[in-house]
C-alpha atoms as a PDB file:
ATOM      1  CA  MET A   1      94.324   8.571  40.368  1.00  0.00           C
ATOM      2  CA  GLU A   2      94.937  11.702  42.718  1.00  0.00           C
ATOM      3  CA  LYS A   3      97.955  10.498  43.774  1.00  0.00           C
ATOM      4  CA  LYS A   4      99.255  10.524  39.627  1.00  0.00           C
ATOM      5  CA  ILE A   5      97.702  13.740  38.668  1.00  0.00           C
ATOM      6  CA  THR A   6      99.629  15.423  41.934  1.00  0.00           C
ATOM      7  CA  ALA A   7     102.865  13.255  41.006  1.00  0.00           C
ATOM      8  CA  ASP A   8     103.977  16.170  38.646  1.00  0.00           C
ATOM      9  CA  TRP A   9     103.413  18.709  41.390  1.00  0.00           C
ATOM     10  CA  TYR A  10     107.263  19.797  40.566  1.00  0.00           C
ATOM     11  CA  MET A  11     106.262  20.769  37.133  1.00  0.00           C
ATOM     12  CA  VAL A  12     104.231  23.422  37.982  1.00  0.00           C
ATOM     13  CA  LEU A  13     106.710  25.428  39.919  1.00  0.00           C
ATOM     14  CA  ILE A  14     108.862  24.663  36.849  1.00  0.00           C
ATOM     15  CA  LYS A  15     106.755  26.928  35.012  1.00  0.00           C
ATOM     16  CA  GLY A  16     105.841  29.441  37.433  1.00  0.00           C
ATOM     17  CA  ILE A  17     109.368  30.049  38.698  1.00  0.00           C
ATOM     18  CA  ILE A  18     110.331  30.662  34.999  1.00  0.00           C
ATOM     19  CA  MET A  19     107.683  32.888  34.765  1.00  0.00           C
ATOM     20  CA  ILE A  20     109.033  34.877  37.925  1.00  0.00           C
ATOM     21  CA  ALA A  21     112.783  34.558  36.538  1.00  0.00           C
ATOM     22  CA  LEU A  22     111.644  36.024  33.569  1.00  0.00           C
ATOM     23  CA  ALA A  23     108.934  39.068  35.146  1.00  0.00           C
ATOM     24  CA  VAL A  24     112.570  39.951  37.685  1.00  0.00           C
ATOM     25  CA  LEU A  25     114.635  40.335  34.124  1.00  0.00           C
ATOM     26  CA  LEU A  26     111.891  42.304  32.446  1.00  0.00           C
ATOM     27  CA  LEU A  27     111.420  44.321  35.634  1.00  0.00           C
ATOM     28  CA  SER A  28     114.940  44.968  36.608  1.00  0.00           C
ATOM     29  CA  SER A  29     115.382  46.799  33.234  1.00  0.00           C
ATOM     30  CA  PRO A  30     112.417  47.683  31.362  1.00  0.00           C
ATOM     31  CA  VAL A  31     114.561  50.425  28.942  1.00  0.00           C
ATOM     32  CA  GLY A  32     115.733  49.074  25.898  1.00  0.00           C
ATOM     33  CA  ALA A  33     114.116  45.368  27.282  1.00  0.00           C
ATOM     34  CA  VAL A  34     111.684  44.583  24.096  1.00  0.00           C
ATOM     35  CA  VAL A  35     113.809  43.491  21.143  1.00  0.00           C
ATOM     36  CA  ALA A  36     115.743  41.519  23.567  1.00  0.00           C
ATOM     37  CA  PHE A  37     112.278  40.766  25.507  1.00  0.00           C
ATOM     38  CA  SER A  38     111.336  39.105  22.218  1.00  0.00           C
ATOM     39  CA  LEU A  39     114.472  36.245  23.124  1.00  0.00           C
ATOM     40  CA  TYR A  40     113.676  36.029  26.850  1.00  0.00           C
ATOM     41  CA  ILE A  41     109.908  35.559  26.222  1.00  0.00           C
ATOM     42  CA  GLY A  42     110.210  33.093  23.480  1.00  0.00           C
ATOM     43  CA  ILE A  43     112.110  30.944  25.608  1.00  0.00           C
ATOM     44  CA  GLY A  44     110.403  30.530  27.953  1.00  0.00           C
ATOM     45  CA  PHE A  45     107.452  30.050  26.126  1.00  0.00           C
ATOM     46  CA  LEU A  46     109.516  27.355  24.335  1.00  0.00           C
ATOM     47  CA  LEU A  47     110.449  25.764  27.790  1.00  0.00           C
ATOM     48  CA  THR A  48     107.055  26.043  29.373  1.00  0.00           C
ATOM     49  CA  GLY A  49     105.299  24.655  26.580  1.00  0.00           C
ATOM     50  CA  ILE A  50     107.168  21.794  26.756  1.00  0.00           C
ATOM     51  CA  LEU A  51     106.929  21.206  30.194  1.00  0.00           C
ATOM     52  CA  VAL A  52     103.066  21.595  29.692  1.00  0.00           C
ATOM     53  CA  ILE A  53     102.892  19.122  26.610  1.00  0.00           C
ATOM     54  CA  TYR A  54     104.593  16.789  28.830  1.00  0.00           C
ATOM     55  CA  ARG A  55     102.006  17.147  31.915  1.00  0.00           C
ATOM     56  CA  SER A  56      99.420  16.829  29.432  1.00  0.00           C
ATOM     57  CA  PHE A  57     100.586  13.460  28.702  1.00  0.00           C
ATOM     58  CA  LEU A  58     100.861  12.323  32.798  1.00  0.00           C
ATOM     59  CA  LEU A  59      97.299  13.784  32.910  1.00  0.00           C
ATOM     60  CA  LYS A  60      96.295  11.492  30.175  1.00  0.00           C
ATOM     61  CA  LYS A  61      98.051   8.612  32.265  1.00  0.00           C
ATOM     62  CA  ALA A  62      95.992   9.471  34.847  1.00  0.00           C
ATOM     63  CA  GLY A  63      92.967   8.975  32.794  1.00  0.00           C
ATOM     64  CA  VAL A  64      92.068  13.002  33.307  1.00  0.00           C
ATOM     65  CA  ASN A  65      91.016  15.259  30.607  1.00  0.00           C
ATOM     66  CA  TRP A  66      94.221  16.539  29.336  1.00  0.00           C
ATOM     67  CA  SER A  67      93.467  17.993  25.893  1.00  0.00           C
ATOM     68  CA  TRP A  68      92.876  21.936  27.006  1.00  0.00           C
ATOM     69  CA  THR A  69      96.744  21.186  28.737  1.00  0.00           C
ATOM     70  CA  MET A  70      97.633  19.917  25.685  1.00  0.00           C
ATOM     71  CA  PHE A  71      96.500  22.761  23.749  1.00  0.00           C
ATOM     72  CA  GLU A  72      97.711  25.272  26.059  1.00  0.00           C
ATOM     73  CA  GLY A  73     101.491  23.719  25.937  1.00  0.00           C
ATOM     74  CA  PHE A  74     100.917  23.629  21.908  1.00  0.00           C
ATOM     75  CA  LEU A  75      99.783  27.484  22.194  1.00  0.00           C
ATOM     76  CA  ASP A  76     102.597  28.259  24.196  1.00  0.00           C
ATOM     77  CA  LEU A  77     105.538  26.655  21.727  1.00  0.00           C
ATOM     78  CA  PHE A  78     104.157  27.981  18.542  1.00  0.00           C
ATOM     79  CA  LEU A  79     103.759  31.391  20.582  1.00  0.00           C
ATOM     80  CA  GLY A  80     107.702  30.789  21.469  1.00  0.00           C
ATOM     81  CA  TYR A  81     108.806  29.656  17.823  1.00  0.00           C
ATOM     82  CA  MET A  82     106.731  33.017  16.223  1.00  0.00           C
ATOM     83  CA  ILE A  83     108.390  35.280  19.198  1.00  0.00           C
ATOM     84  CA  MET A  84     112.096  33.851  17.952  1.00  0.00           C
ATOM     85  CA  ALA A  85     111.776  33.712  14.701  1.00  0.00           C
ATOM     86  CA  ASN A  86     112.119  37.371  14.020  1.00  0.00           C
ATOM     87  CA  PRO A  87     112.412  39.532  17.045  1.00  0.00           C
ATOM     88  CA  LEU A  88     112.685  43.016  15.314  1.00  0.00           C
ATOM     89  CA  VAL A  89     109.367  42.134  13.534  1.00  0.00           C
ATOM     90  CA  THR A  90     108.245  40.621  17.082  1.00  0.00           C
ATOM     91  CA  ALA A  91     108.946  43.740  18.988  1.00  0.00           C
ATOM     92  CA  LYS A  92     106.283  45.794  16.712  1.00  0.00           C
ATOM     93  CA  VAL A  93     103.534  43.376  17.080  1.00  0.00           C
ATOM     94  CA  LEU A  94     104.528  41.696  21.406  1.00  0.00           C
ATOM     95  CA  PRO A  95     102.287  44.110  22.644  1.00  0.00           C
ATOM     96  CA  PHE A  96      98.871  41.746  21.303  1.00  0.00           C
ATOM     97  CA  VAL A  97     101.018  38.315  20.756  1.00  0.00           C
ATOM     98  CA  ILE A  98     101.750  38.919  24.790  1.00  0.00           C
ATOM     99  CA  GLY A  99      98.576  40.454  25.474  1.00  0.00           C
ATOM    100  CA  PHE A 100      96.416  37.751  23.276  1.00  0.00           C
ATOM    101  CA  TRP A 101      98.597  34.759  25.101  1.00  0.00           C
ATOM    102  CA  ALA A 102      97.310  36.955  28.810  1.00  0.00           C
ATOM    103  CA  VAL A 103      93.604  36.287  27.609  1.00  0.00           C
ATOM    104  CA  PHE A 104      93.832  33.343  27.027  1.00  0.00           C
ATOM    105  CA  TYR A 105      95.677  32.168  29.906  1.00  0.00           C
ATOM    106  CA  GLY A 106      93.609  34.322  32.279  1.00  0.00           C
ATOM    107  CA  ILE A 107      90.285  32.772  30.671  1.00  0.00           C
ATOM    108  CA  PHE A 108      91.712  29.266  30.930  1.00  0.00           C
ATOM    109  CA  LEU A 109      92.384  30.017  34.464  1.00  0.00           C
ATOM    110  CA  VAL A 110      88.735  30.567  34.917  1.00  0.00           C
ATOM    111  CA  ILE A 111      87.554  27.836  33.343  1.00  0.00           C
ATOM    112  CA  ASN A 112      89.865  25.333  35.458  1.00  0.00           C
ATOM    113  CA  ALA A 113      88.642  27.272  38.417  1.00  0.00           C
ATOM    114  CA  PHE A 114      85.207  25.775  37.998  1.00  0.00           C
ATOM    115  CA  SER A 115      85.986  21.983  36.757  1.00  0.00           C
ATOM    116  CA  GLY A 116      88.333  21.768  39.608  1.00  0.00           C
ATOM    117  CA  LYS A 117      87.677  22.240  43.435  1.00  0.00           C
ATOM    118  CA  SER A 118      90.559  23.470  44.857  1.00  0.00           C
ATOM    119  CA  ASP A 119      92.374  26.796  44.800  1.00  0.00           C
ATOM    120  CA  ARG A 120      89.055  28.111  43.334  1.00  0.00           C
ATOM    121  CA  LEU A 121      89.124  31.782  44.318  1.00  0.00           C
ATOM    122  CA  MET A 122      92.557  31.851  43.675  1.00  0.00           C
ATOM    123  CA  LYS A 123      92.497  30.602  40.049  1.00  0.00           C
ATOM    124  CA  ILE A 124      89.467  33.092  39.476  1.00  0.00           C
ATOM    125  CA  VAL A 125      90.965  36.718  41.305  1.00  0.00           C
ATOM    126  CA  ALA A 126      94.551  35.424  38.927  1.00  0.00           C
ATOM    127  CA  GLY A 127      92.686  34.295  35.974  1.00  0.00           C
ATOM    128  CA  ILE A 128      90.869  37.880  35.985  1.00  0.00           C
ATOM    129  CA  LEU A 129      93.432  40.446  36.875  1.00  0.00           C
ATOM    130  CA  ILE A 130      95.970  38.408  33.488  1.00  0.00           C
ATOM    131  CA  ILE A 131      92.925  38.800  31.627  1.00  0.00           C
ATOM    132  CA  ILE A 132      92.472  42.423  32.750  1.00  0.00           C
ATOM    133  CA  ILE A 133      96.114  42.843  31.968  1.00  0.00           C
ATOM    134  CA  GLY A 134      96.525  41.187  28.572  1.00  0.00           C
ATOM    135  CA  ASN A 135      93.659  43.387  27.562  1.00  0.00           C
ATOM    136  CA  LEU A 136      95.392  46.372  28.842  1.00  0.00           C
ATOM    137  CA  ILE A 137      98.653  45.481  26.848  1.00  0.00           C
ATOM    138  CA  MET A 138      96.491  44.415  23.593  1.00  0.00           C
ATOM    139  CA  HIS A 139      94.511  47.099  23.447  1.00  0.00           C
ATOM    140  CA  ASN A 140      96.396  50.632  24.018  1.00  0.00           C
ATOM    141  CA  PRO A 141      99.894  49.847  22.336  1.00  0.00           C
ATOM    142  CA  LEU A 142     100.580  53.783  22.377  1.00  0.00           C
ATOM    143  CA  PHE A 143      99.256  53.982  26.084  1.00  0.00           C
ATOM    144  CA  ILE A 144     101.945  51.099  26.738  1.00  0.00           C
ATOM    145  CA  GLY A 145     104.671  52.561  24.782  1.00  0.00           C
ATOM    146  CA  MET A 146     107.804  52.374  27.213  1.00  0.00           C
ATOM    147  CA  THR A 147     106.003  51.076  30.389  1.00  0.00           C
ATOM    148  CA  PHE A 148     105.016  47.649  28.016  1.00  0.00           C
ATOM    149  CA  ALA A 149     107.915  45.263  29.922  1.00  0.00           C
ATOM    150  CA  ILE A 150     106.673  46.932  33.175  1.00  0.00           C
ATOM    151  CA  TRP A 151     103.229  45.191  32.454  1.00  0.00           C
ATOM    152  CA  VAL A 152     104.479  42.098  30.870  1.00  0.00           C
ATOM    153  CA  GLY A 153     106.542  41.861  34.219  1.00  0.00           C
ATOM    154  CA  ILE A 154     104.005  41.929  36.392  1.00  0.00           C
ATOM    155  CA  MET A 155     101.272  39.885  34.216  1.00  0.00           C
ATOM    156  CA  LEU A 156     104.536  37.618  34.290  1.00  0.00           C
ATOM    157  CA  LEU A 157     104.627  37.890  38.250  1.00  0.00           C
ATOM    158  CA  ILE A 158     101.411  37.237  38.837  1.00  0.00           C
ATOM    159  CA  ALA A 159     101.124  34.171  37.025  1.00  0.00           C
ATOM    160  CA  GLY A 160     104.521  32.805  38.102  1.00  0.00           C
ATOM    161  CA  ILE A 161     103.157  33.444  41.743  1.00  0.00           C
ATOM    162  CA  TYR A 162      99.742  31.856  41.009  1.00  0.00           C
ATOM    163  CA  ASN A 163     102.063  28.551  39.318  1.00  0.00           C
ATOM    164  CA  VAL A 164     103.978  28.384  42.238  1.00  0.00           C
ATOM    165  CA  ILE A 165     101.660  28.503  44.701  1.00  0.00           C
ATOM    166  CA  ALA A 166      98.741  25.956  42.315  1.00  0.00           C
ATOM    167  CA  SER A 167     102.173  23.368  42.708  1.00  0.00           C
ATOM    168  CA  PHE A 168     102.514  23.420  46.317  1.00  0.00           C
ATOM    169  CA  SER A 169      98.574  23.134  46.350  1.00  0.00           C
ATOM    170  CA  LEU A 170      99.441  20.075  44.073  1.00  0.00           C
ATOM    171  CA  LYS A 171     102.362  18.682  46.820  1.00  0.00           C
END
Protein backbone atom coordinates (compact mmCIF):
# COMPACT_ATOMS: atom_id res chain seq x y z
CA MET A 1 0.00 0.00 0.00
CA GLU A 2 2.85 2.39 0.81
CA LYS A 3 4.25 1.90 -2.68
CA LYS A 4 0.94 3.10 -4.17
CA ILE A 5 0.98 6.22 -1.98
CA THR A 6 4.55 7.14 -2.91
CA ALA A 7 4.09 6.34 -6.61
CA ASP A 8 2.63 9.79 -7.19
CA TRP A 9 5.57 11.64 -5.62
CA TYR A 10 6.13 13.51 -8.88
CA MET A 11 2.82 15.36 -8.49
CA VAL A 12 4.00 16.88 -5.22
CA LEU A 13 7.24 17.79 -7.03
CA ILE A 14 5.32 19.46 -9.89
CA LYS A 15 3.20 21.40 -7.38
CA GLY A 16 6.36 22.59 -5.63
CA ILE A 17 7.99 23.60 -8.91
CA ILE A 18 4.87 25.58 -9.92
CA MET A 19 4.90 27.38 -6.56
CA ILE A 20 8.62 28.17 -6.83
CA ALA A 21 8.15 29.43 -10.42
CA LEU A 22 5.33 31.71 -9.25
CA ALA A 23 7.53 32.94 -6.40
CA VAL A 24 10.37 33.74 -8.82
CA LEU A 25 7.97 35.65 -11.10
CA LEU A 26 6.69 37.70 -8.18
CA LEU A 27 10.04 38.37 -6.59
CA SER A 28 11.66 39.36 -9.87
CA SER A 29 9.14 42.10 -10.63
CA PRO A 30 7.13 43.20 -7.60
CA VAL A 31 6.23 46.65 -8.97
CA GLY A 32 2.97 46.49 -10.89
CA ALA A 33 2.79 42.77 -10.29
CA VAL A 34 -0.45 42.76 -8.32
CA VAL A 35 -2.84 42.75 -11.30
CA ALA A 36 -0.58 40.56 -13.42
CA PHE A 37 -0.05 38.50 -10.31
CA SER A 38 -3.79 37.73 -10.24
CA LEU A 39 -3.49 35.97 -13.56
CA TYR A 40 -0.34 34.05 -12.58
CA ILE A 41 -1.74 33.00 -9.23
CA GLY A 42 -5.12 32.10 -10.75
CA ILE A 43 -3.46 29.81 -13.29
CA GLY A 44 -1.21 28.39 -10.60
CA PHE A 45 -4.14 27.63 -8.31
CA LEU A 46 -6.07 25.99 -11.17
CA LEU A 47 -3.11 23.78 -12.09
CA THR A 48 -2.30 22.79 -8.52
CA GLY A 49 -6.00 22.19 -7.82
CA ILE A 50 -6.19 19.74 -10.71
CA LEU A 51 -3.01 17.98 -9.56
CA VAL A 52 -4.17 17.76 -5.95
CA ILE A 53 -7.60 16.40 -6.94
CA TYR A 54 -5.95 13.80 -9.17
CA ARG A 55 -3.64 12.87 -6.28
CA SER A 56 -6.65 12.45 -3.97
CA PHE A 57 -8.06 9.85 -6.38
CA LEU A 58 -4.75 8.01 -6.27
CA LEU A 59 -4.84 8.12 -2.47
CA LYS A 60 -8.40 6.79 -2.52
CA LYS A 61 -7.29 3.85 -4.70
CA ALA A 62 -4.50 3.15 -2.19
CA GLY A 63 -7.07 3.02 0.61
CA VAL A 64 -5.71 6.09 2.38
CA ASN A 65 -7.74 8.96 3.83
CA TRP A 66 -8.11 11.22 0.80
CA SER A 67 -10.94 13.61 1.76
CA TRP A 68 -8.75 16.48 3.02
CA THR A 69 -6.59 16.22 -0.07
CA MET A 70 -9.71 16.42 -2.27
CA PHE A 71 -10.95 19.43 -0.26
CA GLU A 72 -7.59 21.16 -0.70
CA GLY A 73 -7.77 20.57 -4.47
CA PHE A 74 -11.29 21.98 -4.75
CA LEU A 75 -10.31 24.98 -2.62
CA ASP A 76 -7.37 25.63 -4.97
CA LEU A 77 -9.66 25.33 -8.03
CA PHE A 78 -12.24 27.67 -6.49
CA LEU A 79 -9.64 30.28 -5.55
CA GLY A 80 -8.03 30.04 -9.00
CA TYR A 81 -11.37 30.62 -10.70
CA MET A 82 -12.31 33.51 -8.40
CA ILE A 83 -8.93 35.18 -8.88
CA MET A 84 -9.06 34.90 -12.68
CA ALA A 85 -12.74 35.92 -13.01
CA ASN A 86 -12.02 39.62 -12.46
CA PRO A 87 -8.36 40.53 -11.94
CA LEU A 88 -9.02 44.23 -11.19
CA VAL A 89 -11.42 43.47 -8.36
CA THR A 90 -9.19 40.63 -7.27
CA ALA A 91 -6.24 43.02 -6.93
CA LYS A 92 -8.21 44.87 -4.24
CA VAL A 93 -9.16 41.78 -2.24
CA LEU A 94 -6.06 39.76 -3.07
CA PRO A 95 -4.38 40.20 0.32
CA PHE A 96 -7.34 38.59 2.06
CA VAL A 97 -7.77 35.81 -0.51
CA ILE A 98 -4.11 34.83 -0.57
CA GLY A 99 -3.78 35.30 3.19
CA PHE A 100 -6.79 33.02 3.75
CA TRP A 101 -5.34 30.39 1.43
CA ALA A 102 -1.97 30.59 3.18
CA VAL A 103 -3.51 30.19 6.64
CA PHE A 104 -5.58 27.21 5.47
CA TYR A 105 -2.56 25.62 3.76
CA GLY A 106 -0.38 26.18 6.84
CA ILE A 107 -3.02 24.64 9.13
CA PHE A 108 -3.31 21.71 6.72
CA LEU A 109 0.46 21.15 6.91
CA VAL A 110 0.47 21.24 10.72
CA ILE A 111 -2.48 18.82 10.96
CA ASN A 112 -0.87 16.59 8.36
CA ALA A 113 2.32 16.53 10.43
CA PHE A 114 0.48 14.71 13.21
CA SER A 115 -1.31 12.27 10.94
CA GLY A 116 1.85 11.00 9.25
CA LYS A 117 5.19 9.74 10.39
CA SER A 118 7.56 11.37 7.91
CA ASP A 119 8.87 14.94 7.86
CA ARG A 120 6.92 15.98 10.97
CA LEU A 121 9.23 18.81 12.02
CA MET A 122 9.53 20.17 8.47
CA LYS A 123 5.73 20.20 8.06
CA ILE A 124 5.20 21.95 11.39
CA VAL A 125 7.86 24.61 10.74
CA ALA A 126 6.70 25.28 7.16
CA GLY A 127 3.07 25.32 8.29
CA ILE A 128 3.70 27.80 11.10
CA LEU A 129 5.77 30.10 8.86
CA ILE A 130 3.05 30.04 6.18
CA ILE A 131 0.33 30.74 8.80
CA ILE A 132 2.29 33.72 10.16
CA ILE A 133 2.93 35.20 6.70
CA GLY A 134 -0.68 34.50 5.66
CA ASN A 135 -2.01 36.35 8.72
CA LEU A 136 0.36 39.23 8.09
CA ILE A 137 -0.86 39.52 4.50
CA MET A 138 -4.54 39.07 5.35
CA HIS A 139 -4.79 41.40 8.33
CA ASN A 140 -2.43 44.19 7.30
CA PRO A 141 -3.19 45.06 3.66
CA LEU A 142 -2.19 48.72 4.12
CA PHE A 143 1.04 47.73 5.82
CA ILE A 144 1.78 45.22 3.09
CA GLY A 145 1.13 47.80 0.33
CA MET A 146 3.76 47.57 -2.37
CA THR A 147 5.54 44.71 -0.61
CA PHE A 148 2.52 42.44 -1.10
CA ALA A 149 4.07 40.65 -4.07
CA ILE A 150 7.31 40.14 -2.14
CA TRP A 151 5.51 38.65 0.91
CA VAL A 152 3.40 36.35 -1.24
CA GLY A 153 6.50 35.39 -3.23
CA ILE A 154 8.30 34.45 -0.02
CA MET A 155 5.29 32.45 1.18
CA LEU A 156 5.01 30.61 -2.16
CA LEU A 157 8.75 29.97 -2.13
CA ILE A 158 8.52 28.35 1.34
CA ALA A 159 5.50 26.26 0.27
CA GLY A 160 7.19 25.31 -3.00
CA ILE A 161 10.45 24.28 -1.35
CA TYR A 162 8.50 22.23 1.17
CA ASN A 163 6.63 20.42 -1.65
CA VAL A 164 9.84 19.71 -3.57
CA ILE A 165 11.56 18.30 -0.46
CA ALA A 166 8.43 16.33 0.47
CA SER A 167 8.23 14.83 -3.03
CA PHE A 168 11.74 13.43 -2.75
CA SER A 169 11.01 11.98 0.67
CA LEU A 170 7.97 10.26 -0.90
CA LYS A 171 10.16 8.92 -3.69
